[in-house]
Structure formats: C-alpha cells, structure tokens
Amino acid sequence: MTSALLSLSALLAAPALAAPAAGAAPRNDNPAAAPAGWERVDGAELARFAGSDGRTEAPAATGRSASAQADDSGTFALKSARNGKFTATEKNYAAPNTGVLRARSAAVTGAWEGFAFEWHEATQTYALKSLANNRYVAVEGNYTGNAQNVLRARSTGAGTWERFTLYYNEDVDRWALQSALNGRFVAMENSYTGSLQYALRARYLEVTGSWEQFELFEIAG
C-alpha cells in the first residue's frame, strides 16, 4: 500500500444481482475473499498509513465522539470517486431516512462529514460512527424499493448490521467497503433523484467502477 491511504477510495462495484428480500436475516458469516486487485485492511494498517502522511481535510471536524473506543483507528472523511463529493450524515432528514449517508458535500465543513472508523478484532471488521449524531452506520437490509440496503447513521451499538470490511487497491489508490450484513459492496447512487440522490447503498457483489470507489481523508481534531 502507498502512504496515500488518506484517499479512501475504492468502493468499486460489480454487476448487481437481485437484492436480498426485505426482512432477510442478517448474515453472520465472514465476507468472501478479497476481489482481484484488492487487499483487506486491518486496524493496525489503517492507523499506520493514516499517520504516515500530513494531509488532512480542512477545516477539521469537531473531533471524535465522546464514546469512541480507545482502539478505534481514526477519524476520516469519505469522498466519492464518482462525483467528487464528501459523504455527509443527513441527521435532519425526516423518518424513515433520518441519518442517511449521502455524497453531497463539496468540502469537509464539520461533523456532518466526519466518521470514526472503529476496528473490531474479533470480526476483523470496522464500525463507522458518525460525528454528526454519534450513531453507528447501519445497512438497512429490511428497507424496500430504492432505499433497500441504504446506509444510515442510526444505531447506538455495533453488530452485524453496522460492520464493514475495508479494502484497498494500490493500483488505483482507492478504497471499498463491504457490508457484513449482506456481503455487498457500498455504491454511491449517482443516478438517483430526490432526497436519496447520492445516497450510499450496499448493493454490489463486486468492485467494478467509480460508483463504489472512495477516497479517505484523515480528519485532525
């Protein structure tokens, strides 16, 4: 890996197969083997690469949530490679989409675009906690229609719904996230319209293009 980790990019996507049925039980098995060209990143690697480059996104967010675990790997902003926008937590959205994640910010302006990446050794996965509302990001596997498997910062704890495997591709210097709930890679819905335009959804079985690619920027706080 290069020290350019601070560009969290790669949530590449593959051809979408049928989405899991609404109400499907969470998957407790480990994610499949890493896609060709991609490498799984553990907590020690993320922390090491995050500290190896002085670049940060300014202005910095307001800092880590008070309840962030001591073994978390750092606080980051997630930028979509598809539209060049940073992911924000829509904490002011009305139910049922309160806290939905959308790649819609031109810059990191504060906690809205900040996420604490917390490493969980037992499952070899990360939980993402939004600095905007101090909630963990979950995959909404029971939603239906265009909102199925959308990412929302809404949980006070982290279980299978809130866990992700992080991948890095050195060739493209980008990152990808795979949901532990349904085994799907996260994509940015660039073609959506309305309130869910640019929403993040765990819906592809492989990493194939910029829809699923992200850059990761460390936030100093």
C-alpha atoms as a PDB file:
ATOM      1  CA  MET A   1       0.000   0.000   0.000  1.00  0.00           C
ATOM      2  CA  THR A   2       1.112   3.532  -0.521  1.00  0.00           C
ATOM      3  CA  SER A   3       1.162   6.241   2.076  1.00  0.00           C
ATOM      4  CA  ALA A   4      -1.627   7.859   0.118  1.00  0.00           C
ATOM      5  CA  LEU A   5      -4.119   5.988   2.239  1.00  0.00           C
ATOM      6  CA  LEU A   6      -5.658   9.304   3.043  1.00  0.00           C
ATOM      7  CA  SER A   7      -7.525   8.950  -0.148  1.00  0.00           C
ATOM      8  CA  LEU A   8     -10.208   6.440   0.857  1.00  0.00           C
ATOM      9  CA  SER A   9     -11.484   5.497  -2.426  1.00  0.00           C
ATOM     10  CA  ALA A  10     -12.349   2.180  -3.506  1.00  0.00           C
ATOM     11  CA  LEU A  11     -15.869   1.011  -3.021  1.00  0.00           C
ATOM     12  CA  LEU A  12     -15.863  -0.433  -6.532  1.00  0.00           C
ATOM     13  CA  ALA A  13     -18.987  -2.114  -7.678  1.00  0.00           C
ATOM     14  CA  ALA A  14     -19.849  -5.177  -9.682  1.00  0.00           C
ATOM     15  CA  PRO A  15     -22.936  -6.200 -11.572  1.00  0.00           C
ATOM     16  CA  ALA A  16     -25.855  -6.028  -9.195  1.00  0.00           C
ATOM     17  CA  LEU A  17     -27.688  -9.260  -8.584  1.00  0.00           C
ATOM     18  CA  ALA A  18     -31.081  -9.428  -7.047  1.00  0.00           C
ATOM     19  CA  ALA A  19     -31.179  -7.579  -3.754  1.00  0.00           C
ATOM     20  CA  PRO A  20     -31.850  -9.606  -0.605  1.00  0.00           C
ATOM     21  CA  ALA A  21     -35.511  -9.929   0.217  1.00  0.00           C
ATOM     22  CA  ALA A  22     -36.895  -7.496   2.744  1.00  0.00           C
ATOM     23  CA  GLY A  23     -36.770  -8.985   6.201  1.00  0.00           C
ATOM     24  CA  ALA A  24     -33.922 -11.315   5.357  1.00  0.00           C
ATOM     25  CA  ALA A  25     -31.927 -12.425   8.381  1.00  0.00           C
ATOM     26  CA  PRO A  26     -28.504 -10.823   8.871  1.00  0.00           C
ATOM     27  CA  ARG A  27     -25.556 -12.853   7.611  1.00  0.00           C
ATOM     28  CA  ASN A  28     -23.080 -13.793  10.315  1.00  0.00           C
ATOM     29  CA  ASP A  29     -20.500 -15.414   8.046  1.00  0.00           C
ATOM     30  CA  ASN A  30     -17.300 -13.622   7.164  1.00  0.00           C
ATOM     31  CA  PRO A  31     -17.092 -11.629   3.906  1.00  0.00           C
ATOM     32  CA  ALA A  32     -15.929 -13.507   0.825  1.00  0.00           C
ATOM     33  CA  ALA A  33     -12.323 -13.495  -0.286  1.00  0.00           C
ATOM     34  CA  ALA A  34     -10.917 -10.156  -1.406  1.00  0.00           C
ATOM     35  CA  PRO A  35     -11.700  -9.262  -5.039  1.00  0.00           C
ATOM     36  CA  ALA A  36      -8.811  -9.453  -7.503  1.00  0.00           C
ATOM     37  CA  GLY A  37      -6.511  -6.475  -7.022  1.00  0.00           C
ATOM     38  CA  TRP A  38      -7.945  -5.586  -3.622  1.00  0.00           C
ATOM     39  CA  GLU A  39      -6.462  -6.187  -0.166  1.00  0.00           C
ATOM     40  CA  ARG A  40      -8.263  -6.276   3.163  1.00  0.00           C
ATOM     41  CA  VAL A  41      -7.057  -3.605   5.587  1.00  0.00           C
ATOM     42  CA  ASP A  42      -6.956  -4.213   9.329  1.00  0.00           C
ATOM     43  CA  GLY A  43      -6.904  -1.718  12.171  1.00  0.00           C
ATOM     44  CA  ALA A  44      -3.136  -1.605  12.554  1.00  0.00           C
ATOM     45  CA  GLU A  45      -2.608  -0.944   8.837  1.00  0.00           C
ATOM     46  CA  LEU A  46      -5.182   1.823   8.651  1.00  0.00           C
ATOM     47  CA  ALA A  47      -3.776   3.587  11.688  1.00  0.00           C
ATOM     48  CA  ARG A  48      -0.221   3.270  10.364  1.00  0.00           C
ATOM     49  CA  PHE A  49      -0.982   4.638   6.927  1.00  0.00           C
ATOM     50  CA  ALA A  50      -3.193   7.378   8.317  1.00  0.00           C
ATOM     51  CA  GLY A  51      -0.267   8.645  10.341  1.00  0.00           C
ATOM     52  CA  SER A  52       2.238   8.456   7.504  1.00  0.00           C
ATOM     53  CA  ASP A  53       1.057  11.487   5.525  1.00  0.00           C
ATOM     54  CA  GLY A  54       0.485  15.005   6.767  1.00  0.00           C
ATOM     55  CA  ARG A  55      -2.523  15.722   4.571  1.00  0.00           C
ATOM     56  CA  THR A  56      -5.854  16.336   6.256  1.00  0.00           C
ATOM     57  CA  GLU A  57      -9.153  17.763   5.118  1.00  0.00           C
ATOM     58  CA  ALA A  58      -9.679  21.286   6.433  1.00  0.00           C
ATOM     59  CA  PRO A  59     -11.472  22.626   8.243  1.00  0.00           C
ATOM     60  CA  ALA A  60     -11.327  19.726  10.642  1.00  0.00           C
ATOM     61  CA  ALA A  61     -14.476  18.240  12.033  1.00  0.00           C
ATOM     62  CA  THR A  62     -15.343  18.904  15.641  1.00  0.00           C
ATOM     63  CA  GLY A  63     -13.449  15.867  16.889  1.00  0.00           C
ATOM     64  CA  ARG A  64     -14.211  12.293  17.807  1.00  0.00           C
ATOM     65  CA  SER A  65     -17.382  11.299  19.561  1.00  0.00           C
ATOM     66  CA  ALA A  66     -17.012  11.074  23.304  1.00  0.00           C
ATOM     67  CA  SER A  67     -17.846   7.371  23.280  1.00  0.00           C
ATOM     68  CA  ALA A  68     -15.378   6.365  20.562  1.00  0.00           C
ATOM     69  CA  GLN A  69     -13.494   3.245  21.648  1.00  0.00           C
ATOM     70  CA  ALA A  70      -9.847   3.512  22.609  1.00  0.00           C
ATOM     71  CA  ASP A  71      -8.869   1.043  19.873  1.00  0.00           C
ATOM     72  CA  ASP A  72     -10.516   2.876  17.015  1.00  0.00           C
ATOM     73  CA  SER A  73      -8.308   3.508  14.019  1.00  0.00           C
ATOM     74  CA  GLY A  74      -9.011   7.134  13.296  1.00  0.00           C
ATOM     75  CA  THR A  75     -11.481   9.747  12.121  1.00  0.00           C
ATOM     76  CA  PHE A  76     -11.983  10.182   8.389  1.00  0.00           C
ATOM     77  CA  ALA A  77     -13.994  11.836   5.638  1.00  0.00           C
ATOM     78  CA  LEU A  78     -15.242   9.638   2.796  1.00  0.00           C
ATOM     79  CA  LYS A  79     -15.151  11.138  -0.705  1.00  0.00           C
ATOM     80  CA  SER A  80     -16.934   9.524  -3.639  1.00  0.00           C
ATOM     81  CA  ALA A  81     -14.765   8.876  -6.691  1.00  0.00           C
ATOM     82  CA  ARG A  82     -17.897   9.063  -8.835  1.00  0.00           C
ATOM     83  CA  ASN A  83     -18.997  12.653  -8.151  1.00  0.00           C
ATOM     84  CA  GLY A  84     -16.091  14.076  -6.134  1.00  0.00           C
ATOM     85  CA  LYS A  85     -18.317  14.834  -3.140  1.00  0.00           C
ATOM     86  CA  PHE A  86     -17.791  14.061   0.537  1.00  0.00           C
ATOM     87  CA  THR A  87     -20.254  11.826   2.363  1.00  0.00           C
ATOM     88  CA  ALA A  88     -22.480  13.587   4.891  1.00  0.00           C
ATOM     89  CA  THR A  89     -24.907  12.297   7.518  1.00  0.00           C
ATOM     90  CA  GLU A  90     -28.386  13.696   6.868  1.00  0.00           C
ATOM     91  CA  LYS A  91     -29.337  13.932  10.522  1.00  0.00           C
ATOM     92  CA  ASN A  92     -32.123  16.445   9.762  1.00  0.00           C
ATOM     93  CA  TYR A  93     -33.925  14.158   7.319  1.00  0.00           C
ATOM     94  CA  ALA A  94     -37.374  13.013   8.401  1.00  0.00           C
ATOM     95  CA  ALA A  95     -38.079   9.378   9.263  1.00  0.00           C
ATOM     96  CA  PRO A  96     -37.545   6.782   7.906  1.00  0.00           C
ATOM     97  CA  ASN A  97     -34.418   8.284   6.286  1.00  0.00           C
ATOM     98  CA  THR A  98     -33.057  10.167   9.299  1.00  0.00           C
ATOM     99  CA  GLY A  99     -29.264   9.833   9.288  1.00  0.00           C
ATOM    100  CA  VAL A 100     -28.964   8.519   5.722  1.00  0.00           C
ATOM    101  CA  LEU A 101     -25.454   8.851   4.224  1.00  0.00           C
ATOM    102  CA  ARG A 102     -25.142  10.924   1.019  1.00  0.00           C
ATOM    103  CA  ALA A 103     -22.100  12.003  -1.023  1.00  0.00           C
ATOM    104  CA  ARG A 104     -23.166  15.618  -1.455  1.00  0.00           C
ATOM    105  CA  SER A 105     -20.664  17.978   0.240  1.00  0.00           C
ATOM    106  CA  ALA A 106     -18.028  19.913  -1.731  1.00  0.00           C
ATOM    107  CA  ALA A 107     -15.795  20.133   1.345  1.00  0.00           C
ATOM    108  CA  VAL A 108     -15.498  18.905   4.919  1.00  0.00           C
ATOM    109  CA  THR A 109     -17.202  21.665   6.846  1.00  0.00           C
ATOM    110  CA  GLY A 110     -17.652  19.970  10.205  1.00  0.00           C
ATOM    111  CA  ALA A 111     -19.003  16.875  11.932  1.00  0.00           C
ATOM    112  CA  TRP A 112     -21.535  16.216   9.155  1.00  0.00           C
ATOM    113  CA  GLU A 113     -18.758  14.716   7.008  1.00  0.00           C
ATOM    114  CA  GLY A 114     -16.758  13.017   9.771  1.00  0.00           C
ATOM    115  CA  PHE A 115     -16.729   9.313  10.691  1.00  0.00           C
ATOM    116  CA  ALA A 116     -14.772   7.445  13.348  1.00  0.00           C
ATOM    117  CA  PHE A 117     -13.511   4.130  11.964  1.00  0.00           C
ATOM    118  CA  GLU A 118     -13.504   1.650  14.862  1.00  0.00           C
ATOM    119  CA  TRP A 119     -11.678  -1.650  14.385  1.00  0.00           C
ATOM    120  CA  HIS A 120     -13.167  -4.849  15.838  1.00  0.00           C
ATOM    121  CA  GLU A 121     -10.505  -7.522  16.167  1.00  0.00           C
ATOM    122  CA  ALA A 122     -12.837 -10.476  16.723  1.00  0.00           C
ATOM    123  CA  THR A 123     -14.708  -9.987  13.436  1.00  0.00           C
ATOM    124  CA  GLN A 124     -11.872  -8.282  11.524  1.00  0.00           C
ATOM    125  CA  THR A 125     -14.283  -5.514  10.542  1.00  0.00           C
ATOM    126  CA  TYR A 126     -14.836  -1.807  11.039  1.00  0.00           C
ATOM    127  CA  ALA A 127     -17.780   0.055  12.500  1.00  0.00           C
ATOM    128  CA  LEU A 128     -18.307   3.625  11.277  1.00  0.00           C
ATOM    129  CA  LYS A 129     -19.608   6.144  13.800  1.00  0.00           C
ATOM    130  CA  SER A 130     -20.934   9.447  12.508  1.00  0.00           C
ATOM    131  CA  LEU A 131     -19.641  12.548  14.260  1.00  0.00           C
ATOM    132  CA  ALA A 132     -22.831  14.365  13.244  1.00  0.00           C
ATOM    133  CA  ASN A 133     -25.148  12.402  15.543  1.00  0.00           C
ATOM    134  CA  ASN A 134     -22.849   9.976  17.415  1.00  0.00           C
ATOM    135  CA  ARG A 135     -24.584   6.969  15.826  1.00  0.00           C
ATOM    136  CA  TYR A 136     -23.160   3.922  14.079  1.00  0.00           C
ATOM    137  CA  VAL A 137     -23.790   3.458  10.366  1.00  0.00           C
ATOM    138  CA  ALA A 138     -26.111   0.532   9.599  1.00  0.00           C
ATOM    139  CA  VAL A 139     -27.159  -1.174   6.359  1.00  0.00           C
ATOM    140  CA  GLU A 140     -30.955  -1.110   6.144  1.00  0.00           C
ATOM    141  CA  GLY A 141     -31.485  -4.649   4.894  1.00  0.00           C
ATOM    142  CA  ASN A 142     -35.190  -4.566   5.699  1.00  0.00           C
ATOM    143  CA  TYR A 143     -35.967  -1.455   3.673  1.00  0.00           C
ATOM    144  CA  THR A 144     -37.711  -1.969   0.330  1.00  0.00           C
ATOM    145  CA  GLY A 145     -37.501  -0.398  -3.111  1.00  0.00           C
ATOM    146  CA  ASN A 146     -34.783   2.141  -3.927  1.00  0.00           C
ATOM    147  CA  ALA A 147     -33.939   2.519  -0.236  1.00  0.00           C
ATOM    148  CA  GLN A 148     -33.156  -1.151   0.344  1.00  0.00           C
ATOM    149  CA  ASN A 149     -29.681  -1.576   1.889  1.00  0.00           C
ATOM    150  CA  VAL A 150     -29.182   2.187   2.222  1.00  0.00           C
ATOM    151  CA  LEU A 151     -26.600   3.275   4.813  1.00  0.00           C
ATOM    152  CA  ARG A 152     -27.941   5.196   7.819  1.00  0.00           C
ATOM    153  CA  ALA A 153     -26.214   6.511  10.953  1.00  0.00           C
ATOM    154  CA  ARG A 154     -28.870   5.389  13.426  1.00  0.00           C
ATOM    155  CA  SER A 155     -27.514   2.733  15.817  1.00  0.00           C
ATOM    156  CA  THR A 156     -26.254   3.158  19.376  1.00  0.00           C
ATOM    157  CA  GLY A 157     -24.250  -0.078  19.188  1.00  0.00           C
ATOM    158  CA  ALA A 158     -22.415  -2.072  16.529  1.00  0.00           C
ATOM    159  CA  GLY A 159     -23.487  -5.545  15.380  1.00  0.00           C
ATOM    160  CA  THR A 160     -23.538  -7.301  12.012  1.00  0.00           C
ATOM    161  CA  TRP A 161     -25.758  -4.596  10.512  1.00  0.00           C
ATOM    162  CA  GLU A 162     -23.104  -1.982  11.374  1.00  0.00           C
ATOM    163  CA  ARG A 163     -19.916  -3.800  10.355  1.00  0.00           C
ATOM    164  CA  PHE A 164     -17.861  -3.440   7.181  1.00  0.00           C
ATOM    165  CA  THR A 165     -14.729  -4.955   5.680  1.00  0.00           C
ATOM    166  CA  LEU A 166     -12.349  -2.323   4.298  1.00  0.00           C
ATOM    167  CA  TYR A 167     -10.403  -2.976   1.096  1.00  0.00           C
ATOM    168  CA  TYR A 168      -7.609  -1.066  -0.623  1.00  0.00           C
ATOM    169  CA  ASN A 169      -6.428  -1.189  -4.238  1.00  0.00           C
ATOM    170  CA  GLU A 170      -2.896   0.135  -4.635  1.00  0.00           C
ATOM    171  CA  ASP A 171      -3.117   0.332  -8.425  1.00  0.00           C
ATOM    172  CA  VAL A 172      -5.952   2.866  -8.375  1.00  0.00           C
ATOM    173  CA  ASP A 173      -5.221   4.188  -4.862  1.00  0.00           C
ATOM    174  CA  ARG A 174      -8.836   3.785  -3.803  1.00  0.00           C
ATOM    175  CA  TRP A 175     -10.882   2.060  -1.145  1.00  0.00           C
ATOM    176  CA  ALA A 176     -14.004  -0.080  -0.923  1.00  0.00           C
ATOM    177  CA  LEU A 177     -16.400  -1.111   1.838  1.00  0.00           C
ATOM    178  CA  GLN A 178     -18.209  -4.441   2.040  1.00  0.00           C
ATOM    179  CA  SER A 179     -21.199  -4.915   4.327  1.00  0.00           C
ATOM    180  CA  ALA A 180     -21.032  -7.775   6.826  1.00  0.00           C
ATOM    181  CA  LEU A 181     -24.835  -7.938   6.731  1.00  0.00           C
ATOM    182  CA  ASN A 182     -25.350  -8.890   3.091  1.00  0.00           C
ATOM    183  CA  GLY A 183     -21.828  -9.274   1.656  1.00  0.00           C
ATOM    184  CA  ARG A 184     -22.436  -6.404  -0.794  1.00  0.00           C
ATOM    185  CA  PHE A 185     -20.088  -3.543  -1.629  1.00  0.00           C
ATOM    186  CA  VAL A 186     -21.210   0.019  -0.971  1.00  0.00           C
ATOM    187  CA  ALA A 187     -22.109   2.142  -4.001  1.00  0.00           C
ATOM    188  CA  MET A 188     -22.997   5.825  -4.384  1.00  0.00           C
ATOM    189  CA  GLU A 189     -26.347   6.277  -6.152  1.00  0.00           C
ATOM    190  CA  ASN A 190     -25.326   8.991  -8.593  1.00  0.00           C
ATOM    191  CA  SER A 191     -28.374   8.471 -10.842  1.00  0.00           C
ATOM    192  CA  TYR A 192     -30.985   8.727  -8.108  1.00  0.00           C
ATOM    193  CA  THR A 193     -33.163  11.816  -7.841  1.00  0.00           C
ATOM    194  CA  GLY A 194     -34.834  13.455  -4.895  1.00  0.00           C
ATOM    195  CA  SER A 195     -33.826  13.130  -1.254  1.00  0.00           C
ATOM    196  CA  LEU A 196     -31.845   9.917  -1.847  1.00  0.00           C
ATOM    197  CA  GLN A 197     -29.734  11.251  -4.688  1.00  0.00           C
ATOM    198  CA  TYR A 198     -26.070  10.330  -3.999  1.00  0.00           C
ATOM    199  CA  ALA A 199     -27.145   8.016  -1.160  1.00  0.00           C
ATOM    200  CA  LEU A 200     -24.786   5.167  -0.205  1.00  0.00           C
ATOM    201  CA  ARG A 201     -26.198   1.634  -0.566  1.00  0.00           C
ATOM    202  CA  ALA A 202     -24.650  -1.810  -0.003  1.00  0.00           C
ATOM    203  CA  ARG A 203     -25.808  -3.423  -3.228  1.00  0.00           C
ATOM    204  CA  TYR A 204     -22.994  -4.777  -5.467  1.00  0.00           C
ATOM    205  CA  LEU A 205     -21.343  -8.197  -5.242  1.00  0.00           C
ATOM    206  CA  GLU A 206     -18.022  -6.991  -6.672  1.00  0.00           C
ATOM    207  CA  VAL A 207     -15.921  -3.871  -7.000  1.00  0.00           C
ATOM    208  CA  THR A 208     -16.028  -2.776 -10.632  1.00  0.00           C
ATOM    209  CA  GLY A 209     -16.074   1.013 -11.050  1.00  0.00           C
ATOM    210  CA  SER A 210     -16.175   4.508  -9.638  1.00  0.00           C
ATOM    211  CA  TRP A 211     -19.700   4.094  -8.266  1.00  0.00           C
ATOM    212  CA  GLU A 212     -18.178   2.044  -5.442  1.00  0.00           C
ATOM    213  CA  GLN A 213     -14.837   3.802  -5.166  1.00  0.00           C
ATOM    214  CA  PHE A 214     -13.974   6.268  -2.419  1.00  0.00           C
ATOM    215  CA  GLU A 215     -11.088   8.339  -1.173  1.00  0.00           C
ATOM    216  CA  LEU A 216     -10.414   8.546   2.553  1.00  0.00           C
ATOM    217  CA  PHE A 217      -9.101  11.724   4.194  1.00  0.00           C
ATOM    218  CA  GLU A 218      -7.915  11.831   7.773  1.00  0.00           C
ATOM    219  CA  ILE A 219      -9.534  14.499   9.942  1.00  0.00           C
ATOM    220  CA  ALA A 220      -7.363  16.154  12.563  1.00  0.00           C
ATOM    221  CA  GLY A 221      -9.351  17.092  15.594  1.00  0.00           C
END
